[in-house]
């Protein structure tokens, strides 16, 4: 039995308020909640648990964002 791999979401606006995995080169960097995203989904703010605070994430940096179920 194979485990389902979540699909990358290209429309970051749809993820506002959702928990997501932030990945780079296929590896999980962090999980967090999408606080906000630009209309064109080129940039988003992620809020992380604990002392990690927030991070501005840009698609041009090569990040993938996957919803956490």
PDB file of N, CA and C in Angstrom:
ATOM      1  N   UNK A   1       0.845  -1.178   0.000  1.00  0.00           N
ATOM      2  CA  UNK A   1       0.000   0.000   0.000  1.00  0.00           C
ATOM      3  C   UNK A   1       0.887   1.235   0.000  1.00  0.00           C
ATOM      4  N   UNK A   2       0.601   2.175  -0.892  1.00  0.00           N
ATOM      5  CA  UNK A   2       1.401   3.384  -0.966  1.00  0.00           C
ATOM      6  C   UNK A   2       0.690   4.523  -0.250  1.00  0.00           C
ATOM      7  N   UNK A   3       1.487   5.410   0.338  1.00  0.00           N
ATOM      8  CA  UNK A   3       0.885   6.553   1.009  1.00  0.00           C
ATOM      9  C   UNK A   3       0.650   7.656  -0.011  1.00  0.00           C
ATOM     10  N   UNK A   4      -0.439   8.367   0.156  1.00  0.00           N
ATOM     11  CA  UNK A   4      -0.791   9.437  -0.773  1.00  0.00           C
ATOM     12  C   UNK A   4       0.148  10.625  -0.558  1.00  0.00           C
ATOM     13  N   UNK A   5       0.614  11.185  -1.636  1.00  0.00           N
ATOM     14  CA  UNK A   5       1.462  12.369  -1.587  1.00  0.00           C
ATOM     15  C   UNK A   5       0.564  13.568  -1.872  1.00  0.00           C
ATOM     16  N   UNK A   6       0.569  14.570  -0.999  1.00  0.00           N
ATOM     17  CA  UNK A   6      -0.285  15.730  -1.251  1.00  0.00           C
ATOM     18  C   UNK A   6       0.141  16.470  -2.508  1.00  0.00           C
ATOM     19  N   UNK A   7      -0.823  17.094  -3.173  1.00  0.00           N
ATOM     20  CA  UNK A   7      -0.538  17.836  -4.392  1.00  0.00           C
ATOM     21  C   UNK A   7      -0.080  19.251  -4.070  1.00  0.00           C
ATOM     22  N   UNK A   8       0.882  19.736  -4.841  1.00  0.00           N
ATOM     23  CA  UNK A   8       1.333  21.111  -4.712  1.00  0.00           C
ATOM     24  C   UNK A   8       0.200  22.034  -5.129  1.00  0.00           C
ATOM     25  N   UNK A   9       0.009  23.095  -4.380  1.00  0.00           N
ATOM     26  CA  UNK A   9      -1.018  24.067  -4.709  1.00  0.00           C
ATOM     27  C   UNK A   9      -0.366  25.318  -5.262  1.00  0.00           C
ATOM     28  N   UNK A  10      -0.700  25.653  -6.505  1.00  0.00           N
ATOM     29  CA  UNK A  10      -0.131  26.819  -7.149  1.00  0.00           C
ATOM     30  C   UNK A  10      -0.830  28.116  -6.776  1.00  0.00           C
ATOM     31  N   UNK A  11      -2.106  28.027  -6.381  1.00  0.00           N
ATOM     32  CA  UNK A  11      -2.856  29.220  -6.006  1.00  0.00           C
ATOM     33  C   UNK A  11      -2.759  29.405  -4.501  1.00  0.00           C
ATOM     34  N   UNK A  12      -1.818  30.210  -4.069  1.00  0.00           N
ATOM     35  CA  UNK A  12      -1.563  30.406  -2.646  1.00  0.00           C
ATOM     36  C   UNK A  12      -2.682  31.173  -1.965  1.00  0.00           C
ATOM     37  N   UNK A  13      -3.460  31.955  -2.705  1.00  0.00           N
ATOM     38  CA  UNK A  13      -4.603  32.675  -2.133  1.00  0.00           C
ATOM     39  C   UNK A  13      -5.602  31.701  -1.513  1.00  0.00           C
ATOM     40  N   UNK A  14      -5.782  30.550  -2.126  1.00  0.00           N
ATOM     41  CA  UNK A  14      -6.728  29.548  -1.633  1.00  0.00           C
ATOM     42  C   UNK A  14      -6.268  28.916  -0.327  1.00  0.00           C
ATOM     43  N   UNK A  15      -5.002  29.092   0.029  1.00  0.00           N
ATOM     44  CA  UNK A  15      -4.442  28.454   1.220  1.00  0.00           C
ATOM     45  C   UNK A  15      -4.461  29.337   2.462  1.00  0.00           C
ATOM     46  N   UNK A  16      -4.894  30.591   2.344  1.00  0.00           N
ATOM     47  CA  UNK A  16      -4.901  31.489   3.494  1.00  0.00           C
ATOM     48  C   UNK A  16      -5.706  30.864   4.626  1.00  0.00           C
ATOM     49  N   UNK A  17      -5.082  30.767   5.808  1.00  0.00           N
ATOM     50  CA  UNK A  17      -5.707  30.151   6.981  1.00  0.00           C
ATOM     51  C   UNK A  17      -5.472  28.652   7.099  1.00  0.00           C
ATOM     52  N   UNK A  18      -4.830  28.053   6.109  1.00  0.00           N
ATOM     53  CA  UNK A  18      -4.580  26.603   6.102  1.00  0.00           C
ATOM     54  C   UNK A  18      -3.180  26.273   6.596  1.00  0.00           C
ATOM     55  N   UNK A  19      -3.020  25.051   7.128  1.00  0.00           N
ATOM     56  CA  UNK A  19      -1.702  24.535   7.494  1.00  0.00           C
ATOM     57  C   UNK A  19      -1.090  23.893   6.264  1.00  0.00           C
ATOM     58  N   UNK A  20       0.194  24.178   6.055  1.00  0.00           N
ATOM     59  CA  UNK A  20       0.893  23.682   4.875  1.00  0.00           C
ATOM     60  C   UNK A  20       2.298  23.213   5.240  1.00  0.00           C
ATOM     61  N   UNK A  21       2.867  22.428   4.332  1.00  0.00           N
ATOM     62  CA  UNK A  21       4.288  22.065   4.405  1.00  0.00           C
ATOM     63  C   UNK A  21       5.024  22.956   3.417  1.00  0.00           C
ATOM     64  N   UNK A  22       6.123  23.519   3.842  1.00  0.00           N
ATOM     65  CA  UNK A  22       7.002  24.286   2.970  1.00  0.00           C
ATOM     66  C   UNK A  22       8.145  23.353   2.589  1.00  0.00           C
ATOM     67  N   UNK A  23       8.322  23.128   1.286  1.00  0.00           N
ATOM     68  CA  UNK A  23       9.359  22.207   0.806  1.00  0.00           C
ATOM     69  C   UNK A  23      10.309  22.900  -0.148  1.00  0.00           C
ATOM     70  N   UNK A  24      11.536  22.439  -0.130  1.00  0.00           N
ATOM     71  CA  UNK A  24      12.549  22.908  -1.061  1.00  0.00           C
ATOM     72  C   UNK A  24      13.331  21.692  -1.529  1.00  0.00           C
ATOM     73  N   UNK A  25      13.425  21.527  -2.830  1.00  0.00           N
ATOM     74  CA  UNK A  25      14.104  20.358  -3.422  1.00  0.00           C
ATOM     75  C   UNK A  25      13.523  19.048  -2.903  1.00  0.00           C
ATOM     76  N   UNK A  26      12.202  19.016  -2.681  1.00  0.00           N
ATOM     77  CA  UNK A  26      11.523  17.804  -2.250  1.00  0.00           C
ATOM     78  C   UNK A  26      11.607  17.514  -0.761  1.00  0.00           C
ATOM     79  N   UNK A  27      12.324  18.338  -0.008  1.00  0.00           N
ATOM     80  CA  UNK A  27      12.481  18.122   1.435  1.00  0.00           C
ATOM     81  C   UNK A  27      11.625  19.108   2.214  1.00  0.00           C
ATOM     82  N   UNK A  28      11.030  18.621   3.300  1.00  0.00           N
ATOM     83  CA  UNK A  28      10.224  19.487   4.147  1.00  0.00           C
ATOM     84  C   UNK A  28      11.143  20.433   4.908  1.00  0.00           C
ATOM     85  N   UNK A  29      10.903  21.728   4.751  1.00  0.00           N
ATOM     86  CA  UNK A  29      11.657  22.749   5.462  1.00  0.00           C
ATOM     87  C   UNK A  29      10.969  23.040   6.798  1.00  0.00           C
ATOM     88  N   UNK A  30       9.653  23.273   6.725  1.00  0.00           N
ATOM     89  CA  UNK A  30       8.843  23.560   7.916  1.00  0.00           C
ATOM     90  C   UNK A  30       7.377  23.338   7.594  1.00  0.00           C
ATOM     91  N   UNK A  31       6.572  23.328   8.629  1.00  0.00           N
ATOM     92  CA  UNK A  31       5.124  23.407   8.459  1.00  0.00           C
ATOM     93  C   UNK A  31       4.664  24.688   9.135  1.00  0.00           C
ATOM     94  N   UNK A  32       3.591  25.245   8.647  1.00  0.00           N
ATOM     95  CA  UNK A  32       3.069  26.474   9.220  1.00  0.00           C
ATOM     96  C   UNK A  32       1.707  26.809   8.653  1.00  0.00           C
ATOM     97  N   UNK A  33       1.195  27.964   9.053  1.00  0.00           N
ATOM     98  CA  UNK A  33      -0.113  28.432   8.598  1.00  0.00           C
ATOM     99  C   UNK A  33       0.081  29.607   7.647  1.00  0.00           C
ATOM    100  N   UNK A  34      -0.630  29.587   6.539  1.00  0.00           N
ATOM    101  CA  UNK A  34      -0.565  30.684   5.579  1.00  0.00           C
ATOM    102  C   UNK A  34      -1.357  31.855   6.156  1.00  0.00           C
ATOM    103  N   UNK A  35      -0.657  32.948   6.449  1.00  0.00           N
ATOM    104  CA  UNK A  35      -1.310  34.150   6.976  1.00  0.00           C
ATOM    105  C   UNK A  35      -1.900  34.999   5.869  1.00  0.00           C
ATOM    106  N   UNK A  36      -1.162  35.151   4.783  1.00  0.00           N
ATOM    107  CA  UNK A  36      -1.617  35.994   3.688  1.00  0.00           C
ATOM    108  C   UNK A  36      -0.839  35.623   2.432  1.00  0.00           C
ATOM    109  N   UNK A  37      -1.374  36.026   1.277  1.00  0.00           N
ATOM    110  CA  UNK A  37      -0.709  35.783  -0.001  1.00  0.00           C
ATOM    111  C   UNK A  37      -1.098  36.903  -0.959  1.00  0.00           C
ATOM    112  N   UNK A  38      -0.201  37.203  -1.887  1.00  0.00           N
ATOM    113  CA  UNK A  38      -0.511  38.219  -2.879  1.00  0.00           C
ATOM    114  C   UNK A  38      -1.548  37.682  -3.856  1.00  0.00           C
ATOM    115  N   UNK A  39      -2.238  38.600  -4.550  1.00  0.00           N
ATOM    116  CA  UNK A  39      -3.279  38.225  -5.509  1.00  0.00           C
ATOM    117  C   UNK A  39      -2.745  37.269  -6.555  1.00  0.00           C
ATOM    118  N   UNK A  40      -1.509  37.488  -7.015  1.00  0.00           N
ATOM    119  CA  UNK A  40      -0.942  36.649  -8.074  1.00  0.00           C
ATOM    120  C   UNK A  40      -0.240  35.399  -7.547  1.00  0.00           C
ATOM    121  N   UNK A  41      -0.321  35.171  -6.222  1.00  0.00           N
ATOM    122  CA  UNK A  41       0.275  33.985  -5.579  1.00  0.00           C
ATOM    123  C   UNK A  41       1.781  33.892  -5.773  1.00  0.00           C
ATOM    124  N   UNK A  42       2.445  35.018  -5.933  1.00  0.00           N
ATOM    125  CA  UNK A  42       3.898  34.989  -6.087  1.00  0.00           C
ATOM    126  C   UNK A  42       4.619  35.035  -4.746  1.00  0.00           C
ATOM    127  N   UNK A  43       3.928  35.536  -3.704  1.00  0.00           N
ATOM    128  CA  UNK A  43       4.524  35.692  -2.379  1.00  0.00           C
ATOM    129  C   UNK A  43       3.474  35.365  -1.320  1.00  0.00           C
ATOM    130  N   UNK A  44       3.908  34.761  -0.222  1.00  0.00           N
ATOM    131  CA  UNK A  44       3.021  34.504   0.912  1.00  0.00           C
ATOM    132  C   UNK A  44       3.766  34.705   2.221  1.00  0.00           C
ATOM    133  N   UNK A  45       2.999  34.939   3.272  1.00  0.00           N
ATOM    134  CA  UNK A  45       3.535  34.972   4.634  1.00  0.00           C
ATOM    135  C   UNK A  45       3.113  33.696   5.325  1.00  0.00           C
ATOM    136  N   UNK A  46       4.077  32.990   5.909  1.00  0.00           N
ATOM    137  CA  UNK A  46       3.781  31.795   6.703  1.00  0.00           C
ATOM    138  C   UNK A  46       4.093  32.073   8.163  1.00  0.00           C
ATOM    139  N   UNK A  47       3.213  31.626   9.042  1.00  0.00           N
ATOM    140  CA  UNK A  47       3.435  31.727  10.494  1.00  0.00           C
ATOM    141  C   UNK A  47       3.767  30.321  10.977  1.00  0.00           C
ATOM    142  N   UNK A  48       4.869  30.220  11.716  1.00  0.00           N
ATOM    143  CA  UNK A  48       5.342  28.924  12.195  1.00  0.00           C
ATOM    144  C   UNK A  48       5.085  28.766  13.686  1.00  0.00           C
ATOM    145  N   UNK A  49       5.042  27.534  14.125  1.00  0.00           N
ATOM    146  CA  UNK A  49       4.862  27.218  15.542  1.00  0.00           C
ATOM    147  C   UNK A  49       6.138  27.526  16.317  1.00  0.00           C
ATOM    148  N   UNK A  50       5.976  27.723  17.610  1.00  0.00           N
ATOM    149  CA  UNK A  50       7.135  27.920  18.477  1.00  0.00           C
ATOM    150  C   UNK A  50       7.827  29.242  18.252  1.00  0.00           C
ATOM    151  N   UNK A  51       9.144  29.230  18.318  1.00  0.00           N
ATOM    152  CA  UNK A  51       9.944  30.449  18.225  1.00  0.00           C
ATOM    153  C   UNK A  51      10.365  30.793  16.799  1.00  0.00           C
ATOM    154  N   UNK A  52       9.795  30.130  15.818  1.00  0.00           N
ATOM    155  CA  UNK A  52      10.216  30.353  14.433  1.00  0.00           C
ATOM    156  C   UNK A  52       9.605  31.599  13.812  1.00  0.00           C
ATOM    157  N   UNK A  53       8.545  32.154  14.396  1.00  0.00           N
ATOM    158  CA  UNK A  53       7.959  33.394  13.905  1.00  0.00           C
ATOM    159  C   UNK A  53       7.310  33.258  12.547  1.00  0.00           C
ATOM    160  N   UNK A  54       7.570  34.262  11.686  1.00  0.00           N
ATOM    161  CA  UNK A  54       6.980  34.303  10.357  1.00  0.00           C
ATOM    162  C   UNK A  54       8.070  34.328   9.297  1.00  0.00           C
ATOM    163  N   UNK A  55       7.668  33.980   8.074  1.00  0.00           N
ATOM    164  CA  UNK A  55       8.614  33.997   6.962  1.00  0.00           C
ATOM    165  C   UNK A  55       7.884  34.442   5.706  1.00  0.00           C
ATOM    166  N   UNK A  56       8.514  35.304   4.936  1.00  0.00           N
ATOM    167  CA  UNK A  56       8.023  35.684   3.626  1.00  0.00           C
ATOM    168  C   UNK A  56       8.567  34.656   2.640  1.00  0.00           C
ATOM    169  N   UNK A  57       7.673  34.029   1.885  1.00  0.00           N
ATOM    170  CA  UNK A  57       8.059  32.973   0.954  1.00  0.00           C
ATOM    171  C   UNK A  57       7.721  33.427  -0.463  1.00  0.00           C
ATOM    172  N   UNK A  58       8.670  33.284  -1.360  1.00  0.00           N
ATOM    173  CA  UNK A  58       8.473  33.657  -2.756  1.00  0.00           C
ATOM    174  C   UNK A  58       8.595  32.420  -3.650  1.00  0.00           C
ATOM    175  N   UNK A  59       7.734  32.330  -4.659  1.00  0.00           N
ATOM    176  CA  UNK A  59       7.821  31.210  -5.591  1.00  0.00           C
ATOM    177  C   UNK A  59       9.138  31.220  -6.348  1.00  0.00           C
ATOM    178  N   UNK A  60       9.715  32.409  -6.549  1.00  0.00           N
ATOM    179  CA  UNK A  60      10.977  32.490  -7.284  1.00  0.00           C
ATOM    180  C   UNK A  60      12.137  31.847  -6.517  1.00  0.00           C
ATOM    181  N   UNK A  61      11.940  31.596  -5.211  1.00  0.00           N
ATOM    182  CA  UNK A  61      12.965  30.922  -4.414  1.00  0.00           C
ATOM    183  C   UNK A  61      12.917  29.408  -4.582  1.00  0.00           C
ATOM    184  N   UNK A  62      11.928  28.912  -5.331  1.00  0.00           N
ATOM    185  CA  UNK A  62      11.848  27.494  -5.618  1.00  0.00           C
ATOM    186  C   UNK A  62      11.076  26.661  -4.605  1.00  0.00           C
ATOM    187  N   UNK A  63      10.365  27.310  -3.686  1.00  0.00           N
ATOM    188  CA  UNK A  63       9.595  26.567  -2.682  1.00  0.00           C
ATOM    189  C   UNK A  63       8.340  25.949  -3.274  1.00  0.00           C
ATOM    190  N   UNK A  64       7.991  24.791  -2.744  1.00  0.00           N
ATOM    191  CA  UNK A  64       6.715  24.155  -3.013  1.00  0.00           C
ATOM    192  C   UNK A  64       5.903  24.276  -1.718  1.00  0.00           C
ATOM    193  N   UNK A  65       4.594  24.421  -1.854  1.00  0.00           N
ATOM    194  CA  UNK A  65       3.712  24.527  -0.701  1.00  0.00           C
ATOM    195  C   UNK A  65       2.628  23.472  -0.853  1.00  0.00           C
ATOM    196  N   UNK A  66       2.543  22.571   0.138  1.00  0.00           N
ATOM    197  CA  UNK A  66       1.568  21.492   0.085  1.00  0.00           C
ATOM    198  C   UNK A  66       0.664  21.539   1.287  1.00  0.00           C
ATOM    199  N   UNK A  67      -0.658  21.437   1.068  1.00  0.00           N
ATOM    200  CA  UNK A  67      -1.593  21.437   2.194  1.00  0.00           C
ATOM    201  C   UNK A  67      -1.365  20.224   3.101  1.00  0.00           C
ATOM    202  N   UNK A  68      -1.515  20.444   4.392  1.00  0.00           N
ATOM    203  CA  UNK A  68      -1.397  19.366   5.370  1.00  0.00           C
ATOM    204  C   UNK A  68      -2.813  18.934   5.718  1.00  0.00           C
ATOM    205  N   UNK A  69      -3.078  17.627   5.615  1.00  0.00           N
ATOM    206  CA  UNK A  69      -4.435  17.161   5.927  1.00  0.00           C
ATOM    207  C   UNK A  69      -4.583  16.771   7.367  1.00  0.00           C
TER     208      UNK A  69
END
